[in-house]
């Protein structure tokens, strides 16, 4: 029973699809026929080799070069394999040197950061010691003034 329903359903879908296609082809048969045809360019061996030489000598990436000349990247890859030509290396050497320079700079910055953090800890410790020393002096002055009734602090109003 399910198989019959499935066959009926596929038959209905096929009929619908055919009617839609018929309407489309009746409306504009030329456009549909144009879309169905693909244009293939045939290149001679000399043209292929000149394109390969141009690609290898240009600073462009494979994608940029193929886009500029209107050839698919797979076609260029096929030509390179067919003529047993090695593909150019796109700045991988520069990237490795750049990455080594970046990693060296990062290591230097991390070293500087650790030195600055150590100096910061040292200065915070010195500040804490000085603030304790200042509080001790203030307390001694307060104690001397209250015990001996002598004004030790400088009078800020006096000129």
Protein backbone atom coordinates (compact mmCIF):
# COMPACT_ATOMS: atom_id res chain seq x y z
CA UNK A 1 0.00 0.00 0.00
CA UNK A 2 2.79 2.44 0.92
CA UNK A 3 4.69 1.65 -2.26
CA UNK A 4 1.59 2.43 -4.34
CA UNK A 5 1.08 5.74 -2.50
CA UNK A 6 4.74 6.62 -3.01
CA UNK A 7 4.56 5.78 -6.71
CA UNK A 8 1.39 7.87 -7.08
CA UNK A 9 3.01 10.76 -5.24
CA UNK A 10 6.12 10.69 -7.42
CA UNK A 11 3.94 10.53 -10.53
CA UNK A 12 1.98 13.59 -9.39
CA UNK A 13 5.19 15.49 -8.60
CA UNK A 14 6.64 14.57 -12.01
CA UNK A 15 3.50 15.76 -13.78
CA UNK A 16 3.54 19.03 -11.85
CA UNK A 17 7.21 19.56 -12.61
CA UNK A 18 6.67 18.86 -16.30
CA UNK A 19 3.78 21.31 -16.48
CA UNK A 20 5.87 24.00 -14.80
CA UNK A 21 8.74 23.38 -17.21
CA UNK A 22 6.39 23.49 -20.18
CA UNK A 23 4.98 26.82 -19.06
CA UNK A 24 8.48 28.22 -18.57
CA UNK A 25 9.69 27.06 -21.95
CA UNK A 26 6.59 28.46 -23.63
CA UNK A 27 7.14 31.82 -21.95
CA UNK A 28 10.82 32.21 -22.75
CA UNK A 29 12.38 29.25 -24.55
CA UNK A 30 15.57 31.07 -25.58
CA UNK A 31 16.69 31.97 -22.06
CA UNK A 32 16.30 28.42 -20.78
CA UNK A 33 18.21 27.03 -23.73
CA UNK A 34 20.98 29.61 -23.18
CA UNK A 35 21.25 28.69 -19.51
CA UNK A 36 21.58 25.03 -20.31
CA UNK A 37 24.57 25.52 -22.61
CA UNK A 38 28.01 26.05 -21.12
CA UNK A 39 30.75 27.76 -23.01
CA UNK A 40 34.04 25.92 -23.02
CA UNK A 41 37.18 27.66 -24.13
CA UNK A 42 39.77 25.46 -25.73
CA UNK A 43 43.32 26.61 -25.15
CA UNK A 44 46.33 25.56 -27.17
CA UNK A 45 49.45 24.26 -25.46
CA UNK A 46 51.28 27.52 -26.11
CA UNK A 47 48.41 29.53 -24.57
CA UNK A 48 48.38 27.28 -21.52
CA UNK A 49 52.14 27.58 -21.08
CA UNK A 50 52.00 31.37 -21.45
CA UNK A 51 49.27 31.55 -18.81
CA UNK A 52 51.32 29.30 -16.51
CA UNK A 53 54.44 31.47 -17.01
CA UNK A 54 52.40 34.61 -16.37
CA UNK A 55 50.89 33.11 -13.20
CA UNK A 56 54.25 31.94 -11.85
CA UNK A 57 55.87 35.32 -12.49
CA UNK A 58 53.00 37.40 -11.09
CA UNK A 59 52.72 38.31 -7.40
CA UNK A 60 48.99 37.51 -7.49
CA UNK A 61 47.43 34.57 -5.72
CA UNK A 62 46.07 31.72 -7.82
CA UNK A 63 42.50 32.84 -7.18
CA UNK A 64 43.21 36.46 -8.19
CA UNK A 65 45.07 35.40 -11.32
CA UNK A 66 42.35 32.96 -12.42
CA UNK A 67 39.67 35.54 -11.79
CA UNK A 68 41.58 38.12 -13.84
CA UNK A 69 42.07 35.87 -16.88
CA UNK A 70 38.67 34.16 -16.57
CA UNK A 71 39.84 30.61 -15.92
CA UNK A 72 38.72 28.31 -13.13
CA UNK A 73 41.36 27.55 -10.48
CA UNK A 74 40.85 23.84 -11.05
CA UNK A 75 41.78 24.31 -14.70
CA UNK A 76 45.02 26.06 -13.74
CA UNK A 77 45.76 23.28 -11.25
CA UNK A 78 45.12 20.71 -13.97
CA UNK A 79 47.52 22.50 -16.33
CA UNK A 80 50.22 22.61 -13.65
CA UNK A 81 49.84 18.88 -13.02
CA UNK A 82 49.64 18.04 -16.72
CA UNK A 83 52.87 19.87 -17.55
CA UNK A 84 54.50 18.71 -14.28
CA UNK A 85 55.19 22.24 -13.08
CA UNK A 86 55.43 22.99 -9.38
CA UNK A 87 53.03 25.58 -8.07
CA UNK A 88 54.56 28.71 -6.64
CA UNK A 89 54.76 29.10 -2.90
CA UNK A 90 52.74 32.12 -1.85
CA UNK A 91 54.73 33.96 0.81
CA UNK A 92 54.86 30.97 3.11
CA UNK A 93 58.52 31.76 3.81
CA UNK A 94 57.61 35.33 4.66
CA UNK A 95 54.80 34.13 6.88
CA UNK A 96 57.12 31.83 8.79
CA UNK A 97 59.67 34.61 9.24
CA UNK A 98 56.87 37.01 10.18
CA UNK A 99 55.53 34.48 12.68
CA UNK A 100 59.01 33.97 14.13
CA UNK A 101 59.46 37.74 14.40
CA UNK A 102 56.04 38.04 16.02
CA UNK A 103 56.78 35.22 18.46
CA UNK A 104 60.16 36.79 19.32
CA UNK A 105 58.46 40.14 19.89
CA UNK A 106 55.82 38.43 22.04
CA UNK A 107 58.52 36.73 24.12
CA UNK A 108 60.30 40.05 24.58
CA UNK A 109 57.05 41.76 25.59
CA UNK A 110 56.22 38.98 28.06
CA UNK A 111 59.70 39.29 29.58
CA UNK A 112 59.27 43.06 29.89
CA UNK A 113 55.81 42.54 31.41
CA UNK A 114 57.19 40.17 34.05
CA UNK A 115 59.94 42.68 34.90
CA UNK A 116 57.40 45.49 35.20
CA UNK A 117 55.17 43.37 37.42
CA UNK A 118 58.13 42.57 39.70
CA UNK A 119 59.02 46.27 39.89
CA UNK A 120 55.37 47.09 40.64
CA UNK A 121 55.31 44.58 43.52
CA UNK A 122 58.57 46.04 44.88
CA UNK A 123 57.22 49.60 44.72
CA UNK A 124 53.93 48.60 46.36
CA UNK A 125 55.89 46.97 49.18
CA UNK A 126 58.02 50.13 49.61
CA UNK A 127 54.87 52.26 49.64
CA UNK A 128 53.30 50.08 52.32
CA UNK A 129 56.49 50.39 54.43
CA UNK A 130 56.53 54.18 54.02
CA UNK A 131 52.85 54.54 54.90
CA UNK A 132 53.46 52.50 58.09
CA UNK A 133 56.44 54.69 58.89
CA UNK A 134 54.34 57.82 58.34
CA UNK A 135 51.56 56.51 60.59
CA UNK A 136 54.13 55.71 63.31
CA UNK A 137 55.55 59.24 63.10
CA UNK A 138 52.06 60.77 63.27
CA UNK A 139 51.24 58.65 66.31
CA UNK A 140 54.50 59.72 68.06
CA UNK A 141 53.72 63.38 67.36
CA UNK A 142 50.17 62.98 68.70
CA UNK A 143 51.49 61.20 71.81
CA UNK A 144 54.16 63.88 72.43
CA UNK A 145 51.63 66.69 72.05
CA UNK A 146 49.09 65.09 74.36
CA UNK A 147 51.67 64.06 77.01
CA UNK A 148 53.91 67.14 77.14
CA UNK A 149 51.42 69.73 75.83
CA UNK A 150 53.99 70.94 73.33
CA UNK A 151 52.97 71.77 69.79
CA UNK A 152 55.35 69.80 67.58
CA UNK A 153 53.54 70.26 64.28
CA UNK A 154 54.26 73.30 62.22
CA UNK A 155 51.62 76.00 62.42
CA UNK A 156 50.19 76.33 58.93
CA UNK A 157 48.68 79.77 59.66
CA UNK A 158 52.02 81.33 60.66
CA UNK A 159 53.97 83.31 58.10
